[in-house]
Amino acid sequence: REEEAALAALLDDLAAGAGVTVQAESLARFEPVTFDAGIVSLIEEIAGAAGLSCRRITSGAGHDAQMIARIAPSAMIFVPSRGGISHNPAEFTAAGELVAGANILLGVAARLAVD
């Protein structure tokens, strides 16, 4: 929320300097969630067993998993995109990275199905 207030103040300053007004309306706001530690660890385990590197990251974008995590255990698997670009028309992920991510998802789902 501090970031929202800082953005509003910046817009007010820019508007005053340009002699215009700015109107902003918040359409939706969803609080961040913490993903299920067991599923996150399982993702790391499956990735490691496949010889893939992984790391935990924080996503600032809204995802379906953010909503699901409120009612059921959830986590996300990210795959690398060229230049780190995501949620943009310039986003590109190599087919091999997509397959690797899908295989991790399959491994996690298979393990969760029998646990």
PDB file of N, CA and C in Angstrom:
ATOM      1  N   ARG A   1       0.813  -1.190   0.000  1.00  0.00           N
ATOM      2  CA  ARG A   1       0.000   0.000   0.000  1.00  0.00           C
ATOM      3  C   ARG A   1       0.858   1.256   0.000  1.00  0.00           C
ATOM      4  N   GLU A   2       2.049   1.151   0.576  1.00  0.00           N
ATOM      5  CA  GLU A   2       2.960   2.297   0.554  1.00  0.00           C
ATOM      6  C   GLU A   2       3.316   2.658  -0.883  1.00  0.00           C
ATOM      7  N   GLU A   3       3.487   1.619  -1.714  1.00  0.00           N
ATOM      8  CA  GLU A   3       3.833   1.855  -3.115  1.00  0.00           C
ATOM      9  C   GLU A   3       2.700   2.567  -3.838  1.00  0.00           C
ATOM     10  N   GLU A   4       1.463   2.200  -3.518  1.00  0.00           N
ATOM     11  CA  GLU A   4       0.313   2.851  -4.139  1.00  0.00           C
ATOM     12  C   GLU A   4       0.255   4.325  -3.751  1.00  0.00           C
ATOM     13  N   ALA A   5       0.513   4.613  -2.483  1.00  0.00           N
ATOM     14  CA  ALA A   5       0.515   6.001  -2.016  1.00  0.00           C
ATOM     15  C   ALA A   5       1.645   6.785  -2.672  1.00  0.00           C
ATOM     16  N   ALA A   6       2.817   6.160  -2.807  1.00  0.00           N
ATOM     17  CA  ALA A   6       3.951   6.829  -3.455  1.00  0.00           C
ATOM     18  C   ALA A   6       3.646   7.105  -4.921  1.00  0.00           C
ATOM     19  N   LEU A   7       3.002   6.165  -5.597  1.00  0.00           N
ATOM     20  CA  LEU A   7       2.632   6.373  -6.999  1.00  0.00           C
ATOM     21  C   LEU A   7       1.621   7.507  -7.127  1.00  0.00           C
ATOM     22  N   ALA A   8       0.640   7.547  -6.244  1.00  0.00           N
ATOM     23  CA  ALA A   8      -0.354   8.620  -6.274  1.00  0.00           C
ATOM     24  C   ALA A   8       0.306   9.977  -6.060  1.00  0.00           C
ATOM     25  N   ALA A   9       1.254  10.053  -5.130  1.00  0.00           N
ATOM     26  CA  ALA A   9       1.966  11.311  -4.875  1.00  0.00           C
ATOM     27  C   ALA A   9       2.791  11.719  -6.087  1.00  0.00           C
ATOM     28  N   LEU A  10       3.463  10.769  -6.715  1.00  0.00           N
ATOM     29  CA  LEU A  10       4.249  11.059  -7.914  1.00  0.00           C
ATOM     30  C   LEU A  10       3.354  11.570  -9.033  1.00  0.00           C
ATOM     31  N   LEU A  11       2.218  10.927  -9.242  1.00  0.00           N
ATOM     32  CA  LEU A  11       1.290  11.378 -10.285  1.00  0.00           C
ATOM     33  C   LEU A  11       0.776  12.783  -9.997  1.00  0.00           C
ATOM     34  N   ASP A  12       0.486  13.065  -8.731  1.00  0.00           N
ATOM     35  CA  ASP A  12       0.039  14.411  -8.361  1.00  0.00           C
ATOM     36  C   ASP A  12       1.119  15.444  -8.673  1.00  0.00           C
ATOM     37  N   ASP A  13       2.374  15.129  -8.349  1.00  0.00           N
ATOM     38  CA  ASP A  13       3.486  16.046  -8.627  1.00  0.00           C
ATOM     39  C   ASP A  13       3.654  16.271 -10.128  1.00  0.00           C
ATOM     40  N   LEU A  14       3.609  15.193 -10.893  1.00  0.00           N
ATOM     41  CA  LEU A  14       3.748  15.310 -12.351  1.00  0.00           C
ATOM     42  C   LEU A  14       2.599  16.111 -12.945  1.00  0.00           C
ATOM     43  N   ALA A  15       1.399  15.855 -12.463  1.00  0.00           N
ATOM     44  CA  ALA A  15       0.230  16.571 -12.970  1.00  0.00           C
ATOM     45  C   ALA A  15       0.332  18.057 -12.659  1.00  0.00           C
ATOM     46  N   ALA A  16       0.740  18.390 -11.436  1.00  0.00           N
ATOM     47  CA  ALA A  16       0.875  19.796 -11.053  1.00  0.00           C
ATOM     48  C   ALA A  16       1.913  20.486 -11.925  1.00  0.00           C
ATOM     49  N   GLY A  17       3.024  19.812 -12.197  1.00  0.00           N
ATOM     50  CA  GLY A  17       4.074  20.388 -13.039  1.00  0.00           C
ATOM     51  C   GLY A  17       3.639  20.579 -14.476  1.00  0.00           C
ATOM     52  N   ALA A  18       2.721  19.747 -14.942  1.00  0.00           N
ATOM     53  CA  ALA A  18       2.255  19.833 -16.332  1.00  0.00           C
ATOM     54  C   ALA A  18       0.976  20.648 -16.456  1.00  0.00           C
ATOM     55  N   GLY A  19       0.430  21.078 -15.323  1.00  0.00           N
ATOM     56  CA  GLY A  19      -0.793  21.866 -15.361  1.00  0.00           C
ATOM     57  C   GLY A  19      -2.017  21.054 -15.766  1.00  0.00           C
ATOM     58  N   VAL A  20      -2.025  19.793 -15.407  1.00  0.00           N
ATOM     59  CA  VAL A  20      -3.161  18.920 -15.723  1.00  0.00           C
ATOM     60  C   VAL A  20      -3.625  18.240 -14.436  1.00  0.00           C
ATOM     61  N   THR A  21      -4.706  17.522 -14.544  1.00  0.00           N
ATOM     62  CA  THR A  21      -5.166  16.732 -13.406  1.00  0.00           C
ATOM     63  C   THR A  21      -5.108  15.251 -13.779  1.00  0.00           C
ATOM     64  N   VAL A  22      -4.946  14.453 -12.778  1.00  0.00           N
ATOM     65  CA  VAL A  22      -4.907  13.003 -12.965  1.00  0.00           C
ATOM     66  C   VAL A  22      -5.973  12.389 -12.076  1.00  0.00           C
ATOM     67  N   GLN A  23      -6.754  11.503 -12.669  1.00  0.00           N
ATOM     68  CA  GLN A  23      -7.738  10.757 -11.902  1.00  0.00           C
ATOM     69  C   GLN A  23      -7.359   9.289 -11.965  1.00  0.00           C
ATOM     70  N   ALA A  24      -7.289   8.653 -10.831  1.00  0.00           N
ATOM     71  CA  ALA A  24      -6.969   7.226 -10.789  1.00  0.00           C
ATOM     72  C   ALA A  24      -8.022   6.509  -9.959  1.00  0.00           C
ATOM     73  N   GLU A  25      -8.344   5.318 -10.396  1.00  0.00           N
ATOM     74  CA  GLU A  25      -9.327   4.516  -9.684  1.00  0.00           C
ATOM     75  C   GLU A  25      -8.766   3.105  -9.511  1.00  0.00           C
ATOM     76  N   SER A  26      -8.815   2.615  -8.306  1.00  0.00           N
ATOM     77  CA  SER A  26      -8.363   1.251  -8.040  1.00  0.00           C
ATOM     78  C   SER A  26      -9.497   0.299  -8.395  1.00  0.00           C
ATOM     79  N   LEU A  27      -9.250  -0.570  -9.367  1.00  0.00           N
ATOM     80  CA  LEU A  27     -10.280  -1.498  -9.811  1.00  0.00           C
ATOM     81  C   LEU A  27     -10.291  -2.783  -8.990  1.00  0.00           C
ATOM     82  N   ALA A  28      -9.129  -3.204  -8.555  1.00  0.00           N
ATOM     83  CA  ALA A  28      -9.044  -4.424  -7.754  1.00  0.00           C
ATOM     84  C   ALA A  28      -7.735  -4.415  -6.989  1.00  0.00           C
ATOM     85  N   ARG A  29      -7.773  -5.031  -5.830  1.00  0.00           N
ATOM     86  CA  ARG A  29      -6.549  -5.164  -5.040  1.00  0.00           C
ATOM     87  C   ARG A  29      -6.623  -6.487  -4.303  1.00  0.00           C
ATOM     88  N   PHE A  30      -5.634  -7.312  -4.526  1.00  0.00           N
ATOM     89  CA  PHE A  30      -5.587  -8.614  -3.882  1.00  0.00           C
ATOM     90  C   PHE A  30      -4.311  -8.711  -3.059  1.00  0.00           C
ATOM     91  N   GLU A  31      -4.474  -9.102  -1.831  1.00  0.00           N
ATOM     92  CA  GLU A  31      -3.327  -9.231  -0.942  1.00  0.00           C
ATOM     93  C   GLU A  31      -2.432 -10.380  -1.409  1.00  0.00           C
ATOM     94  N   PRO A  32      -1.131 -10.260  -1.186  1.00  0.00           N
ATOM     95  CA  PRO A  32      -0.224 -11.348  -1.554  1.00  0.00           C
ATOM     96  C   PRO A  32      -0.508 -12.604  -0.733  1.00  0.00           C
ATOM     97  N   VAL A  33      -0.078 -13.727  -1.261  1.00  0.00           N
ATOM     98  CA  VAL A  33      -0.238 -14.998  -0.560  1.00  0.00           C
ATOM     99  C   VAL A  33       1.120 -15.686  -0.453  1.00  0.00           C
ATOM    100  N   THR A  34       1.219 -16.586   0.499  1.00  0.00           N
ATOM    101  CA  THR A  34       2.390 -17.447   0.622  1.00  0.00           C
ATOM    102  C   THR A  34       1.974 -18.825   0.141  1.00  0.00           C
ATOM    103  N   PHE A  35       2.739 -19.381  -0.789  1.00  0.00           N
ATOM    104  CA  PHE A  35       2.396 -20.686  -1.331  1.00  0.00           C
ATOM    105  C   PHE A  35       2.725 -21.797  -0.342  1.00  0.00           C
ATOM    106  N   ASP A  36       2.108 -22.938  -0.564  1.00  0.00           N
ATOM    107  CA  ASP A  36       2.261 -24.101   0.291  1.00  0.00           C
ATOM    108  C   ASP A  36       3.720 -24.566   0.319  1.00  0.00           C
ATOM    109  N   ALA A  37       4.308 -24.575   1.510  1.00  0.00           N
ATOM    110  CA  ALA A  37       5.730 -24.920   1.653  1.00  0.00           C
ATOM    111  C   ALA A  37       6.029 -26.335   1.174  1.00  0.00           C
ATOM    112  N   GLY A  38       5.117 -27.266   1.419  1.00  0.00           N
ATOM    113  CA  GLY A  38       5.327 -28.640   0.988  1.00  0.00           C
ATOM    114  C   GLY A  38       5.356 -28.776  -0.521  1.00  0.00           C
ATOM    115  N   ILE A  39       4.461 -28.079  -1.200  1.00  0.00           N
ATOM    116  CA  ILE A  39       4.437 -28.142  -2.666  1.00  0.00           C
ATOM    117  C   ILE A  39       5.658 -27.440  -3.243  1.00  0.00           C
ATOM    118  N   VAL A  40       6.035 -26.319  -2.664  1.00  0.00           N
ATOM    119  CA  VAL A  40       7.233 -25.612  -3.134  1.00  0.00           C
ATOM    120  C   VAL A  40       8.457 -26.514  -2.993  1.00  0.00           C
ATOM    121  N   SER A  41       8.584 -27.177  -1.856  1.00  0.00           N
ATOM    122  CA  SER A  41       9.715 -28.094  -1.654  1.00  0.00           C
ATOM    123  C   SER A  41       9.667 -29.255  -2.638  1.00  0.00           C
ATOM    124  N   LEU A  42       8.482 -29.754  -2.925  1.00  0.00           N
ATOM    125  CA  LEU A  42       8.334 -30.851  -3.878  1.00  0.00           C
ATOM    126  C   LEU A  42       8.749 -30.408  -5.282  1.00  0.00           C
ATOM    127  N   ILE A  43       8.384 -29.206  -5.665  1.00  0.00           N
ATOM    128  CA  ILE A  43       8.813 -28.661  -6.961  1.00  0.00           C
ATOM    129  C   ILE A  43      10.340 -28.636  -7.024  1.00  0.00           C
ATOM    130  N   GLU A  44      10.964 -28.139  -5.958  1.00  0.00           N
ATOM    131  CA  GLU A  44      12.430 -28.085  -5.920  1.00  0.00           C
ATOM    132  C   GLU A  44      13.043 -29.482  -5.997  1.00  0.00           C
ATOM    133  N   GLU A  45      12.441 -30.423  -5.300  1.00  0.00           N
ATOM    134  CA  GLU A  45      12.947 -31.806  -5.308  1.00  0.00           C
ATOM    135  C   GLU A  45      12.854 -32.419  -6.708  1.00  0.00           C
ATOM    136  N   ILE A  46      11.710 -32.266  -7.356  1.00  0.00           N
ATOM    137  CA  ILE A  46      11.503 -32.841  -8.694  1.00  0.00           C
ATOM    138  C   ILE A  46      12.447 -32.169  -9.697  1.00  0.00           C
ATOM    139  N   ALA A  47      12.584 -30.858  -9.606  1.00  0.00           N
ATOM    140  CA  ALA A  47      13.493 -30.144 -10.513  1.00  0.00           C
ATOM    141  C   ALA A  47      14.925 -30.619 -10.307  1.00  0.00           C
ATOM    142  N   GLY A  48      15.343 -30.743  -9.057  1.00  0.00           N
ATOM    143  CA  GLY A  48      16.698 -31.198  -8.761  1.00  0.00           C
ATOM    144  C   GLY A  48      16.953 -32.602  -9.275  1.00  0.00           C
ATOM    145  N   ALA A  49      15.970 -33.485  -9.117  1.00  0.00           N
ATOM    146  CA  ALA A  49      16.114 -34.866  -9.593  1.00  0.00           C
ATOM    147  C   ALA A  49      16.241 -34.916 -11.110  1.00  0.00           C
ATOM    148  N   ALA A  50      15.669 -33.921 -11.783  1.00  0.00           N
ATOM    149  CA  ALA A  50      15.759 -33.851 -13.247  1.00  0.00           C
ATOM    150  C   ALA A  50      17.025 -33.122 -13.698  1.00  0.00           C
ATOM    151  N   GLY A  51      17.853 -32.703 -12.732  1.00  0.00           N
ATOM    152  CA  GLY A  51      19.079 -31.992 -13.070  1.00  0.00           C
ATOM    153  C   GLY A  51      18.858 -30.545 -13.459  1.00  0.00           C
ATOM    154  N   LEU A  52      17.731 -29.996 -13.045  1.00  0.00           N
ATOM    155  CA  LEU A  52      17.401 -28.609 -13.379  1.00  0.00           C
ATOM    156  C   LEU A  52      17.669 -27.705 -12.184  1.00  0.00           C
ATOM    157  N   SER A  53      18.138 -26.518 -12.460  1.00  0.00           N
ATOM    158  CA  SER A  53      18.339 -25.553 -11.385  1.00  0.00           C
ATOM    159  C   SER A  53      17.011 -24.870 -11.090  1.00  0.00           C
ATOM    160  N   CYS A  54      16.882 -24.394  -9.876  1.00  0.00           N
ATOM    161  CA  CYS A  54      15.668 -23.657  -9.528  1.00  0.00           C
ATOM    162  C   CYS A  54      15.988 -22.701  -8.393  1.00  0.00           C
ATOM    163  N   ARG A  55      15.137 -21.734  -8.241  1.00  0.00           N
ATOM    164  CA  ARG A  55      15.260 -20.802  -7.125  1.00  0.00           C
ATOM    165  C   ARG A  55      13.883 -20.258  -6.811  1.00  0.00           C
ATOM    166  N   ARG A  56      13.711 -19.828  -5.610  1.00  0.00           N
ATOM    167  CA  ARG A  56      12.435 -19.245  -5.196  1.00  0.00           C
ATOM    168  C   ARG A  56      12.440 -17.773  -5.580  1.00  0.00           C
ATOM    169  N   ILE A  57      11.342 -17.336  -6.156  1.00  0.00           N
ATOM    170  CA  ILE A  57      11.210 -15.931  -6.531  1.00  0.00           C
ATOM    171  C   ILE A  57       9.859 -15.410  -6.066  1.00  0.00           C
ATOM    172  N   THR A  58       9.758 -14.117  -5.979  1.00  0.00           N
ATOM    173  CA  THR A  58       8.501 -13.460  -5.667  1.00  0.00           C
ATOM    174  C   THR A  58       7.946 -12.891  -6.955  1.00  0.00           C
ATOM    175  N   SER A  59       6.685 -13.157  -7.211  1.00  0.00           N
ATOM    176  CA  SER A  59       6.044 -12.624  -8.413  1.00  0.00           C
ATOM    177  C   SER A  59       5.156 -11.453  -8.028  1.00  0.00           C
ATOM    178  N   GLY A  60       5.301 -10.374  -8.747  1.00  0.00           N
ATOM    179  CA  GLY A  60       4.456  -9.208  -8.513  1.00  0.00           C
ATOM    180  C   GLY A  60       3.188  -9.227  -9.341  1.00  0.00           C
ATOM    181  N   ALA A  61       3.109 -10.146 -10.273  1.00  0.00           N
ATOM    182  CA  ALA A  61       1.931 -10.229 -11.143  1.00  0.00           C
ATOM    183  C   ALA A  61       0.850 -11.068 -10.470  1.00  0.00           C
ATOM    184  N   GLY A  62      -0.381 -10.798 -10.812  1.00  0.00           N
ATOM    185  CA  GLY A  62      -1.487 -11.613 -10.321  1.00  0.00           C
ATOM    186  C   GLY A  62      -1.595 -12.887 -11.143  1.00  0.00           C
ATOM    187  N   HIS A  63      -1.855 -13.986 -10.495  1.00  0.00           N
ATOM    188  CA  HIS A  63      -1.987 -15.270 -11.177  1.00  0.00           C
ATOM    189  C   HIS A  63      -3.160 -16.021 -10.561  1.00  0.00           C
ATOM    190  N   ASP A  64      -3.723 -16.966 -11.315  1.00  0.00           N
ATOM    191  CA  ASP A  64      -4.801 -17.793 -10.778  1.00  0.00           C
ATOM    192  C   ASP A  64      -4.382 -18.476  -9.486  1.00  0.00           C
ATOM    193  N   ALA A  65      -3.128 -18.891  -9.421  1.00  0.00           N
ATOM    194  CA  ALA A  65      -2.637 -19.587  -8.229  1.00  0.00           C
ATOM    195  C   ALA A  65      -2.766 -18.715  -6.985  1.00  0.00           C
ATOM    196  N   GLN A  66      -2.721 -17.412  -7.155  1.00  0.00           N
ATOM    197  CA  GLN A  66      -2.879 -16.492  -6.029  1.00  0.00           C
ATOM    198  C   GLN A  66      -4.283 -16.627  -5.441  1.00  0.00           C
ATOM    199  N   MET A  67      -5.268 -16.827  -6.292  1.00  0.00           N
ATOM    200  CA  MET A  67      -6.642 -16.989  -5.822  1.00  0.00           C
ATOM    201  C   MET A  67      -6.856 -18.392  -5.256  1.00  0.00           C
ATOM    202  N   ILE A  68      -6.311 -19.390  -5.938  1.00  0.00           N
ATOM    203  CA  ILE A  68      -6.462 -20.776  -5.493  1.00  0.00           C
ATOM    204  C   ILE A  68      -5.823 -20.974  -4.125  1.00  0.00           C
ATOM    205  N   ALA A  69      -4.692 -20.315  -3.882  1.00  0.00           N
ATOM    206  CA  ALA A  69      -3.967 -20.481  -2.616  1.00  0.00           C
ATOM    207  C   ALA A  69      -4.802 -20.071  -1.412  1.00  0.00           C
ATOM    208  N   ARG A  70      -5.835 -19.307  -1.628  1.00  0.00           N
ATOM    209  CA  ARG A  70      -6.701 -18.888  -0.525  1.00  0.00           C
ATOM    210  C   ARG A  70      -7.596 -20.028  -0.044  1.00  0.00           C
ATOM    211  N   ILE A  71      -7.803 -21.037  -0.922  1.00  0.00           N
ATOM    212  CA  ILE A  71      -8.719 -22.123  -0.565  1.00  0.00           C
ATOM    213  C   ILE A  71      -8.093 -23.516  -0.636  1.00  0.00           C
ATOM    214  N   ALA A  72      -6.923 -23.627  -1.256  1.00  0.00           N
ATOM    215  CA  ALA A  72      -6.293 -24.942  -1.414  1.00  0.00           C
ATOM    216  C   ALA A  72      -4.779 -24.776  -1.524  1.00  0.00           C
ATOM    217  N   PRO A  73      -4.029 -25.803  -1.137  1.00  0.00           N
ATOM    218  CA  PRO A  73      -2.571 -25.727  -1.284  1.00  0.00           C
ATOM    219  C   PRO A  73      -2.193 -25.438  -2.736  1.00  0.00           C
ATOM    220  N   SER A  74      -1.248 -24.542  -2.932  1.00  0.00           N
ATOM    221  CA  SER A  74      -0.914 -24.087  -4.278  1.00  0.00           C
ATOM    222  C   SER A  74       0.537 -23.633  -4.334  1.00  0.00           C
ATOM    223  N   ALA A  75       1.080 -23.635  -5.535  1.00  0.00           N
ATOM    224  CA  ALA A  75       2.417 -23.094  -5.800  1.00  0.00           C
ATOM    225  C   ALA A  75       2.508 -22.849  -7.302  1.00  0.00           C
ATOM    226  N   MET A  76       3.589 -22.255  -7.746  1.00  0.00           N
ATOM    227  CA  MET A  76       3.766 -21.979  -9.173  1.00  0.00           C
ATOM    228  C   MET A  76       5.142 -22.441  -9.616  1.00  0.00           C
ATOM    229  N   ILE A  77       5.210 -22.796 -10.898  1.00  0.00           N
ATOM    230  CA  ILE A  77       6.469 -23.170 -11.535  1.00  0.00           C
ATOM    231  C   ILE A  77       6.717 -22.147 -12.630  1.00  0.00           C
ATOM    232  N   PHE A  78       7.823 -21.444 -12.542  1.00  0.00           N
ATOM    233  CA  PHE A  78       8.201 -20.494 -13.583  1.00  0.00           C
ATOM    234  C   PHE A  78       9.290 -21.111 -14.445  1.00  0.00           C
ATOM    235  N   VAL A  79       9.255 -20.807 -15.721  1.00  0.00           N
ATOM    236  CA  VAL A  79      10.328 -21.222 -16.630  1.00  0.00           C
ATOM    237  C   VAL A  79      10.996 -19.962 -17.166  1.00  0.00           C
ATOM    238  N   PRO A  80      12.289 -20.038 -17.506  1.00  0.00           N
ATOM    239  CA  PRO A  80      13.000 -18.839 -17.953  1.00  0.00           C
ATOM    240  C   PRO A  80      12.515 -18.343 -19.312  1.00  0.00           C
ATOM    241  N   SER A  81      12.379 -17.046 -19.423  1.00  0.00           N
ATOM    242  CA  SER A  81      12.062 -16.396 -20.695  1.00  0.00           C
ATOM    243  C   SER A  81      13.265 -15.567 -21.128  1.00  0.00           C
ATOM    244  N   ARG A  82      13.450 -15.470 -22.419  1.00  0.00           N
ATOM    245  CA  ARG A  82      14.594 -14.724 -22.960  1.00  0.00           C
ATOM    246  C   ARG A  82      14.584 -13.295 -22.420  1.00  0.00           C
ATOM    247  N   GLY A  83      15.717 -12.903 -21.858  1.00  0.00           N
ATOM    248  CA  GLY A  83      15.863 -11.549 -21.334  1.00  0.00           C
ATOM    249  C   GLY A  83      15.055 -11.282 -20.078  1.00  0.00           C
ATOM    250  N   GLY A  84      14.445 -12.316 -19.515  1.00  0.00           N
ATOM    251  CA  GLY A  84      13.629 -12.130 -18.320  1.00  0.00           C
ATOM    252  C   GLY A  84      12.312 -11.423 -18.580  1.00  0.00           C
ATOM    253  N   ILE A  85      11.946 -11.275 -19.845  1.00  0.00           N
ATOM    254  CA  ILE A  85      10.725 -10.545 -20.208  1.00  0.00           C
ATOM    255  C   ILE A  85       9.520 -11.466 -20.060  1.00  0.00           C
ATOM    256  N   SER A  86       8.513 -11.006 -19.319  1.00  0.00           N
ATOM    257  CA  SER A  86       7.279 -11.776 -19.177  1.00  0.00           C
ATOM    258  C   SER A  86       6.089 -10.833 -19.186  1.00  0.00           C
ATOM    259  N   HIS A  87       4.924 -11.400 -19.432  1.00  0.00           N
ATOM    260  CA  HIS A  87       3.691 -10.623 -19.501  1.00  0.00           C
ATOM    261  C   HIS A  87       3.828  -9.475 -20.497  1.00  0.00           C
ATOM    262  N   ASN A  88       4.388  -9.793 -21.642  1.00  0.00           N
ATOM    263  CA  ASN A  88       4.705  -8.793 -22.658  1.00  0.00           C
ATOM    264  C   ASN A  88       4.732  -9.499 -24.008  1.00  0.00           C
ATOM    265  N   PRO A  89       4.311  -8.825 -25.085  1.00  0.00           N
ATOM    266  CA  PRO A  89       4.349  -9.468 -26.406  1.00  0.00           C
ATOM    267  C   PRO A  89       5.742  -9.943 -26.807  1.00  0.00           C
ATOM    268  N   ALA A  90       6.793  -9.360 -26.237  1.00  0.00           N
ATOM    269  CA  ALA A  90       8.160  -9.761 -26.576  1.00  0.00           C
ATOM    270  C   ALA A  90       8.615 -11.002 -25.805  1.00  0.00           C
ATOM    271  N   GLU A  91       7.755 -11.522 -24.927  1.00  0.00           N
ATOM    272  CA  GLU A  91       8.131 -12.706 -24.149  1.00  0.00           C
ATOM    273  C   GLU A  91       8.371 -13.894 -25.073  1.00  0.00           C
ATOM    274  N   PHE A  92       9.471 -14.612 -24.817  1.00  0.00           N
ATOM    275  CA  PHE A  92       9.771 -15.832 -25.567  1.00  0.00           C
ATOM    276  C   PHE A  92      10.419 -16.836 -24.629  1.00  0.00           C
ATOM    277  N   THR A  93       9.905 -18.039 -24.636  1.00  0.00           N
ATOM    278  CA  THR A  93      10.491 -19.135 -23.872  1.00  0.00           C
ATOM    279  C   THR A  93      10.746 -20.285 -24.825  1.00  0.00           C
ATOM    280  N   ALA A  94      11.958 -20.807 -24.798  1.00  0.00           N
ATOM    281  CA  ALA A  94      12.334 -21.908 -25.686  1.00  0.00           C
ATOM    282  C   ALA A  94      11.495 -23.144 -25.382  1.00  0.00           C
ATOM    283  N   ALA A  95      11.225 -23.919 -26.423  1.00  0.00           N
ATOM    284  CA  ALA A  95      10.399 -25.124 -26.289  1.00  0.00           C
ATOM    285  C   ALA A  95      10.949 -26.069 -25.221  1.00  0.00           C
ATOM    286  N   GLY A  96      12.259 -26.222 -25.168  1.00  0.00           N
ATOM    287  CA  GLY A  96      12.854 -27.110 -24.169  1.00  0.00           C
ATOM    288  C   GLY A  96      12.563 -26.674 -22.747  1.00  0.00           C
ATOM    289  N   GLU A  97      12.542 -25.364 -22.511  1.00  0.00           N
ATOM    290  CA  GLU A  97      12.227 -24.840 -21.174  1.00  0.00           C
ATOM    291  C   GLU A  97      10.762 -25.115 -20.831  1.00  0.00           C
ATOM    292  N   LEU A  98       9.891 -24.967 -21.830  1.00  0.00           N
ATOM    293  CA  LEU A  98       8.466 -25.237 -21.611  1.00  0.00           C
ATOM    294  C   LEU A  98       8.242 -26.712 -21.281  1.00  0.00           C
ATOM    295  N   VAL A  99       8.914 -27.585 -22.025  1.00  0.00           N
ATOM    296  CA  VAL A  99       8.795 -29.023 -21.778  1.00  0.00           C
ATOM    297  C   VAL A  99       9.320 -29.361 -20.383  1.00  0.00           C
ATOM    298  N   ALA A 100      10.447 -28.782 -20.002  1.00  0.00           N
ATOM    299  CA  ALA A 100      11.006 -29.037 -18.670  1.00  0.00           C
ATOM    300  C   ALA A 100      10.022 -28.609 -17.581  1.00  0.00           C
ATOM    301  N   GLY A 101       9.430 -27.438 -17.739  1.00  0.00           N
ATOM    302  CA  GLY A 101       8.451 -26.964 -16.757  1.00  0.00           C
ATOM    303  C   GLY A 101       7.231 -27.867 -16.693  1.00  0.00           C
ATOM    304  N   ALA A 102       6.757 -28.310 -17.860  1.00  0.00           N
ATOM    305  CA  ALA A 102       5.602 -29.211 -17.899  1.00  0.00           C
ATOM    306  C   ALA A 102       5.930 -30.548 -17.242  1.00  0.00           C
ATOM    307  N   ASN A 103       7.146 -31.028 -17.442  1.00  0.00           N
ATOM    308  CA  ASN A 103       7.545 -32.293 -16.816  1.00  0.00           C
ATOM    309  C   ASN A 103       7.649 -32.167 -15.301  1.00  0.00           C
ATOM    310  N   ILE A 104       8.087 -31.018 -14.821  1.00  0.00           N
ATOM    311  CA  ILE A 104       8.107 -30.795 -13.370  1.00  0.00           C
ATOM    312  C   ILE A 104       6.676 -30.808 -12.844  1.00  0.00           C
ATOM    313  N   LEU A 105       5.783 -30.119 -13.535  1.00  0.00           N
ATOM    314  CA  LEU A 105       4.375 -30.110 -13.134  1.00  0.00           C
ATOM    315  C   LEU A 105       3.811 -31.526 -13.104  1.00  0.00           C
ATOM    316  N   LEU A 106       4.112 -32.313 -14.128  1.00  0.00           N
ATOM    317  CA  LEU A 106       3.647 -33.700 -14.176  1.00  0.00           C
ATOM    318  C   LEU A 106       4.186 -34.490 -12.982  1.00  0.00           C
ATOM    319  N   GLY A 107       5.473 -34.333 -12.695  1.00  0.00           N
ATOM    320  CA  GLY A 107       6.070 -35.044 -11.570  1.00  0.00           C
ATOM    321  C   GLY A 107       5.442 -34.663 -10.244  1.00  0.00           C
ATOM    322  N   VAL A 108       5.192 -33.378 -10.061  1.00  0.00           N
ATOM    323  CA  VAL A 108       4.569 -32.905  -8.820  1.00  0.00           C
ATOM    324  C   VAL A 108       3.151 -33.457  -8.706  1.00  0.00           C
ATOM    325  N   ALA A 109       2.383 -33.370  -9.786  1.00  0.00           N
ATOM    326  CA  ALA A 109       1.003 -33.866  -9.765  1.00  0.00           C
ATOM    327  C   ALA A 109       0.966 -35.366  -9.480  1.00  0.00           C
ATOM    328  N   ALA A 110       1.881 -36.111 -10.089  1.00  0.00           N
ATOM    329  CA  ALA A 110       1.917 -37.559  -9.871  1.00  0.00           C
ATOM    330  C   ALA A 110       2.226 -37.888  -8.414  1.00  0.00           C
ATOM    331  N   ARG A 111       3.176 -37.166  -7.824  1.00  0.00           N
ATOM    332  CA  ARG A 111       3.527 -37.411  -6.418  1.00  0.00           C
ATOM    333  C   ARG A 111       2.381 -37.029  -5.487  1.00  0.00           C
ATOM    334  N   LEU A 112       1.742 -35.908  -5.773  1.00  0.00           N
ATOM    335  CA  LEU A 112       0.638 -35.477  -4.918  1.00  0.00           C
ATOM    336  C   LEU A 112      -0.547 -36.432  -5.016  1.00  0.00           C
ATOM    337  N   ALA A 113      -0.705 -37.066  -6.173  1.00  0.00           N
ATOM    338  CA  ALA A 113      -1.823 -37.985  -6.378  1.00  0.00           C
ATOM    339  C   ALA A 113      -1.693 -39.245  -5.526  1.00  0.00           C
ATOM    340  N   VAL A 114      -0.466 -39.625  -5.193  1.00  0.00           N
ATOM    341  CA  VAL A 114      -0.270 -40.855  -4.418  1.00  0.00           C
ATOM    342  C   VAL A 114       0.067 -40.585  -2.953  1.00  0.00           C
ATOM    343  N   ASP A 115       0.359 -39.362  -2.609  1.00  0.00           N
ATOM    344  CA  ASP A 115       0.688 -39.032  -1.209  1.00  0.00           C
ATOM    345  C   ASP A 115      -0.563 -38.796  -0.387  1.00  0.00           C
TER     346      ASP A 115
END
